[in-house]
Amino acid sequence: MYIGELEEERASNQDLQDKLKVQQDKADKALAMADDEDADEGSIPRPRGSSGNGFSIQVAMGLATSDKKKAIYTGVQVSSPQSIGLNQDLTDVFQC
């Protein structure tokens, strides 16, 4: 295979990977937001799956699709212990 052909194949592969990522993010978000048939009326539906197994809070928040959004999510993770009033000793436990 020539270098030009290889570069074209790599570009095509990256394009397909990007499209797949978009579709996976959409599917993950749809699963995360799916109604829970067992939820009581008036309650917030429990998301399907569990952390690392069909559910991602980052995807549910819409903060998984770009580097900028991932940085925002990381900021939320880092600032959360201080925002709820935990003292410094406990925040060491929650460092991300």
N, C-alpha and C. Protein backbone atom coordinates (compact mmCIF):
# COMPACT_ATOMS: atom_id res chain seq x y z
N MET A 1 0.85 -1.17 0.00
CA MET A 1 0.00 0.00 0.00
C MET A 1 0.90 1.24 0.00
N TYR A 2 0.53 2.22 -0.79
CA TYR A 2 1.29 3.45 -0.86
C TYR A 2 0.95 4.37 0.31
N ILE A 3 1.84 5.30 0.60
CA ILE A 3 1.66 6.21 1.73
C ILE A 3 0.39 7.04 1.56
N GLY A 4 0.12 7.50 0.35
CA GLY A 4 -1.09 8.28 0.10
C GLY A 4 -2.35 7.48 0.39
N GLU A 5 -2.35 6.20 -0.02
CA GLU A 5 -3.50 5.34 0.24
C GLU A 5 -3.67 5.10 1.75
N LEU A 6 -2.56 4.92 2.42
CA LEU A 6 -2.60 4.70 3.87
C LEU A 6 -3.16 5.93 4.58
N GLU A 7 -2.74 7.10 4.17
CA GLU A 7 -3.26 8.33 4.77
C GLU A 7 -4.75 8.48 4.52
N GLU A 8 -5.20 8.12 3.31
CA GLU A 8 -6.63 8.16 3.01
C GLU A 8 -7.40 7.19 3.89
N GLU A 9 -6.87 5.99 4.06
CA GLU A 9 -7.52 4.98 4.91
C GLU A 9 -7.57 5.43 6.37
N ARG A 10 -6.50 6.03 6.85
CA ARG A 10 -6.49 6.55 8.22
C ARG A 10 -7.53 7.65 8.41
N ALA A 11 -7.63 8.55 7.43
CA ALA A 11 -8.61 9.63 7.51
C ALA A 11 -10.03 9.06 7.49
N SER A 12 -10.25 8.07 6.64
CA SER A 12 -11.57 7.42 6.57
C SER A 12 -11.88 6.72 7.87
N ASN A 13 -10.90 6.04 8.43
CA ASN A 13 -11.08 5.34 9.71
C ASN A 13 -11.41 6.33 10.81
N GLN A 14 -10.70 7.45 10.86
CA GLN A 14 -10.95 8.46 11.90
C GLN A 14 -12.35 9.03 11.75
N ASP A 15 -12.78 9.26 10.51
CA ASP A 15 -14.12 9.78 10.27
C ASP A 15 -15.17 8.79 10.80
N LEU A 16 -14.96 7.52 10.51
CA LEU A 16 -15.89 6.50 11.01
C LEU A 16 -15.87 6.41 12.54
N GLN A 17 -14.69 6.53 13.14
CA GLN A 17 -14.58 6.51 14.60
C GLN A 17 -15.33 7.69 15.21
N ASP A 18 -15.20 8.86 14.60
CA ASP A 18 -15.90 10.05 15.10
C ASP A 18 -17.41 9.88 15.01
N LYS A 19 -17.88 9.35 13.88
CA LYS A 19 -19.32 9.11 13.71
C LYS A 19 -19.82 8.08 14.72
N LEU A 20 -19.03 7.04 14.94
CA LEU A 20 -19.40 6.01 15.92
C LEU A 20 -19.49 6.60 17.32
N LYS A 21 -18.56 7.45 17.67
CA LYS A 21 -18.56 8.09 19.00
C LYS A 21 -19.81 8.93 19.19
N VAL A 22 -20.19 9.68 18.18
CA VAL A 22 -21.40 10.50 18.26
C VAL A 22 -22.62 9.61 18.49
N GLN A 23 -22.71 8.51 17.74
CA GLN A 23 -23.84 7.61 17.87
C GLN A 23 -23.84 6.92 19.24
N GLN A 24 -22.66 6.54 19.73
CA GLN A 24 -22.58 5.92 21.06
C GLN A 24 -23.00 6.90 22.14
N ASP A 25 -22.58 8.15 22.02
CA ASP A 25 -22.97 9.16 22.99
C ASP A 25 -24.48 9.38 22.98
N LYS A 26 -25.08 9.41 21.79
CA LYS A 26 -26.54 9.56 21.69
C LYS A 26 -27.25 8.37 22.33
N ALA A 27 -26.76 7.17 22.05
CA ALA A 27 -27.38 5.97 22.63
C ALA A 27 -27.21 5.95 24.14
N ASP A 28 -26.03 6.31 24.63
CA ASP A 28 -25.79 6.35 26.08
C ASP A 28 -26.71 7.35 26.76
N LYS A 29 -26.87 8.51 26.13
CA LYS A 29 -27.74 9.54 26.71
C LYS A 29 -29.19 9.08 26.71
N ALA A 30 -29.61 8.43 25.63
CA ALA A 30 -30.98 7.92 25.57
C ALA A 30 -31.22 6.87 26.64
N LEU A 31 -30.26 5.99 26.85
CA LEU A 31 -30.39 4.98 27.90
C LEU A 31 -30.42 5.61 29.28
N ALA A 32 -29.57 6.61 29.48
CA ALA A 32 -29.50 7.27 30.79
C ALA A 32 -30.79 7.99 31.13
N MET A 33 -31.46 8.50 30.12
CA MET A 33 -32.67 9.27 30.34
C MET A 33 -33.95 8.45 30.18
N ALA A 34 -33.80 7.15 29.93
CA ALA A 34 -34.99 6.31 29.71
C ALA A 34 -35.86 6.30 30.96
N ASP A 35 -37.15 6.26 30.74
CA ASP A 35 -38.08 6.20 31.86
C ASP A 35 -37.96 4.85 32.55
N ASP A 36 -38.07 4.89 33.84
CA ASP A 36 -38.06 3.68 34.64
C ASP A 36 -39.52 3.30 34.92
N GLU A 37 -39.96 2.18 34.36
CA GLU A 37 -41.35 1.77 34.50
C GLU A 37 -41.77 1.55 35.95
N ASP A 38 -40.83 1.27 36.82
CA ASP A 38 -41.13 0.99 38.21
C ASP A 38 -41.14 2.24 39.09
N ALA A 39 -40.84 3.38 38.52
CA ALA A 39 -40.77 4.61 39.32
C ALA A 39 -42.16 5.02 39.79
N ASP A 40 -42.22 5.51 41.01
CA ASP A 40 -43.47 6.03 41.54
C ASP A 40 -43.83 7.31 40.81
N GLU A 41 -45.12 7.58 40.70
CA GLU A 41 -45.56 8.80 40.04
C GLU A 41 -45.02 10.02 40.80
N GLY A 42 -44.45 10.95 40.07
CA GLY A 42 -43.92 12.15 40.68
C GLY A 42 -42.47 12.04 41.11
N SER A 43 -41.89 10.86 41.04
CA SER A 43 -40.49 10.71 41.44
C SER A 43 -39.58 10.85 40.21
N ILE A 44 -38.33 11.06 40.45
CA ILE A 44 -37.35 11.16 39.37
C ILE A 44 -36.99 9.74 38.95
N PRO A 45 -37.08 9.42 37.64
CA PRO A 45 -36.77 8.07 37.20
C PRO A 45 -35.33 7.68 37.50
N ARG A 46 -35.14 6.47 37.93
CA ARG A 46 -33.80 5.93 38.17
C ARG A 46 -33.17 5.62 36.83
N PRO A 47 -31.94 6.04 36.59
CA PRO A 47 -31.30 5.75 35.30
C PRO A 47 -31.05 4.26 35.14
N ARG A 48 -31.13 3.79 33.92
CA ARG A 48 -30.84 2.38 33.65
C ARG A 48 -29.34 2.15 33.75
N GLY A 49 -28.97 0.95 34.17
CA GLY A 49 -27.56 0.60 34.28
C GLY A 49 -26.96 1.10 35.57
N SER A 50 -25.66 0.99 35.64
CA SER A 50 -24.92 1.47 36.80
C SER A 50 -23.60 2.06 36.29
N SER A 51 -22.90 2.72 37.14
CA SER A 51 -21.66 3.37 36.75
C SER A 51 -20.72 2.36 36.08
N GLY A 52 -20.32 2.66 34.86
CA GLY A 52 -19.42 1.78 34.13
C GLY A 52 -20.13 0.62 33.47
N ASN A 53 -21.44 0.52 33.66
CA ASN A 53 -22.18 -0.60 33.08
C ASN A 53 -23.50 -0.08 32.50
N GLY A 54 -23.41 0.68 31.43
CA GLY A 54 -24.61 1.18 30.78
C GLY A 54 -25.06 2.55 31.23
N PHE A 55 -24.35 3.17 32.16
CA PHE A 55 -24.74 4.52 32.61
C PHE A 55 -23.49 5.34 32.88
N SER A 56 -23.55 6.58 32.46
CA SER A 56 -22.47 7.52 32.73
C SER A 56 -23.09 8.87 33.09
N ILE A 57 -22.85 9.34 34.29
CA ILE A 57 -23.39 10.63 34.71
C ILE A 57 -22.85 11.74 33.81
N GLN A 58 -21.62 11.58 33.35
CA GLN A 58 -21.02 12.58 32.48
C GLN A 58 -21.79 12.66 31.16
N VAL A 59 -22.18 11.52 30.60
CA VAL A 59 -22.97 11.50 29.37
C VAL A 59 -24.36 12.07 29.64
N ALA A 60 -24.96 11.69 30.77
CA ALA A 60 -26.30 12.17 31.11
C ALA A 60 -26.32 13.69 31.27
N MET A 61 -25.22 14.25 31.73
CA MET A 61 -25.11 15.70 31.88
C MET A 61 -24.76 16.40 30.58
N GLY A 62 -24.46 15.62 29.53
CA GLY A 62 -24.07 16.20 28.25
C GLY A 62 -22.67 16.78 28.25
N LEU A 63 -21.80 16.23 29.10
CA LEU A 63 -20.45 16.77 29.23
C LEU A 63 -19.38 15.77 28.83
N ALA A 64 -19.69 14.96 27.79
CA ALA A 64 -18.72 13.94 27.38
C ALA A 64 -18.34 14.05 25.91
N THR A 65 -18.82 15.07 25.22
CA THR A 65 -18.67 15.09 23.77
C THR A 65 -17.48 15.88 23.24
N SER A 66 -16.84 16.67 24.06
CA SER A 66 -15.69 17.44 23.58
C SER A 66 -14.71 17.64 24.73
N ASP A 67 -13.50 18.04 24.38
CA ASP A 67 -12.50 18.29 25.42
C ASP A 67 -12.94 19.41 26.34
N LYS A 68 -13.59 20.45 25.78
CA LYS A 68 -14.05 21.57 26.60
C LYS A 68 -15.11 21.11 27.60
N LYS A 69 -16.06 20.28 27.14
CA LYS A 69 -17.10 19.79 28.04
C LYS A 69 -16.54 18.83 29.08
N LYS A 70 -15.55 18.03 28.68
CA LYS A 70 -14.91 17.13 29.64
C LYS A 70 -14.18 17.93 30.72
N ALA A 71 -13.59 19.06 30.33
CA ALA A 71 -12.92 19.93 31.31
C ALA A 71 -13.94 20.52 32.28
N ILE A 72 -15.11 20.87 31.78
CA ILE A 72 -16.17 21.39 32.66
C ILE A 72 -16.57 20.32 33.67
N TYR A 73 -16.74 19.08 33.20
CA TYR A 73 -17.12 17.98 34.09
C TYR A 73 -16.05 17.75 35.15
N THR A 74 -14.78 17.80 34.74
CA THR A 74 -13.69 17.64 35.70
C THR A 74 -13.75 18.75 36.74
N GLY A 75 -14.06 19.97 36.31
CA GLY A 75 -14.19 21.08 37.25
C GLY A 75 -15.31 20.84 38.25
N VAL A 76 -16.41 20.27 37.79
CA VAL A 76 -17.52 19.94 38.69
C VAL A 76 -17.07 18.90 39.70
N GLN A 77 -16.35 17.89 39.24
CA GLN A 77 -15.87 16.84 40.15
C GLN A 77 -14.95 17.42 41.21
N VAL A 78 -14.05 18.29 40.81
CA VAL A 78 -13.06 18.85 41.73
C VAL A 78 -13.70 19.80 42.72
N SER A 79 -14.67 20.59 42.28
CA SER A 79 -15.24 21.61 43.15
C SER A 79 -16.37 21.09 44.03
N SER A 80 -16.93 19.94 43.75
CA SER A 80 -18.09 19.45 44.48
C SER A 80 -17.88 19.33 45.99
N PRO A 81 -16.81 18.72 46.48
CA PRO A 81 -16.67 18.60 47.94
C PRO A 81 -16.64 19.95 48.66
N GLN A 82 -15.97 20.95 48.08
CA GLN A 82 -15.92 22.26 48.71
C GLN A 82 -17.28 22.95 48.65
N SER A 83 -18.02 22.74 47.56
CA SER A 83 -19.29 23.44 47.40
C SER A 83 -20.35 22.95 48.37
N ILE A 84 -20.19 21.75 48.90
CA ILE A 84 -21.17 21.26 49.87
C ILE A 84 -20.68 21.42 51.30
N GLY A 85 -19.58 22.13 51.47
CA GLY A 85 -19.12 22.50 52.80
C GLY A 85 -18.26 21.47 53.52
N LEU A 86 -17.68 20.53 52.81
CA LEU A 86 -16.79 19.58 53.48
C LEU A 86 -15.50 20.29 53.86
N ASN A 87 -14.94 19.91 55.01
CA ASN A 87 -13.69 20.55 55.40
C ASN A 87 -12.52 19.98 54.60
N GLN A 88 -11.38 20.62 54.68
CA GLN A 88 -10.23 20.25 53.86
C GLN A 88 -9.77 18.82 54.12
N ASP A 89 -9.85 18.35 55.36
CA ASP A 89 -9.42 16.99 55.65
C ASP A 89 -10.21 15.96 54.86
N LEU A 90 -11.51 16.18 54.73
CA LEU A 90 -12.34 15.24 53.99
C LEU A 90 -12.19 15.40 52.48
N THR A 91 -11.87 16.59 52.01
CA THR A 91 -11.75 16.77 50.57
C THR A 91 -10.56 15.99 50.01
N ASP A 92 -9.56 15.70 50.84
CA ASP A 92 -8.45 14.87 50.37
C ASP A 92 -8.95 13.50 49.93
N VAL A 93 -9.98 13.00 50.57
CA VAL A 93 -10.54 11.70 50.23
C VAL A 93 -11.22 11.74 48.87
N PHE A 94 -11.77 12.89 48.51
CA PHE A 94 -12.58 13.01 47.30
C PHE A 94 -11.83 13.61 46.12
N GLN A 95 -10.53 13.76 46.20
CA GLN A 95 -9.79 14.35 45.09
C GLN A 95 -9.93 13.50 43.84
N CYS A 96 -10.10 14.17 42.70
CA CYS A 96 -10.32 13.48 41.42
C CYS A 96 -9.05 13.47 40.62
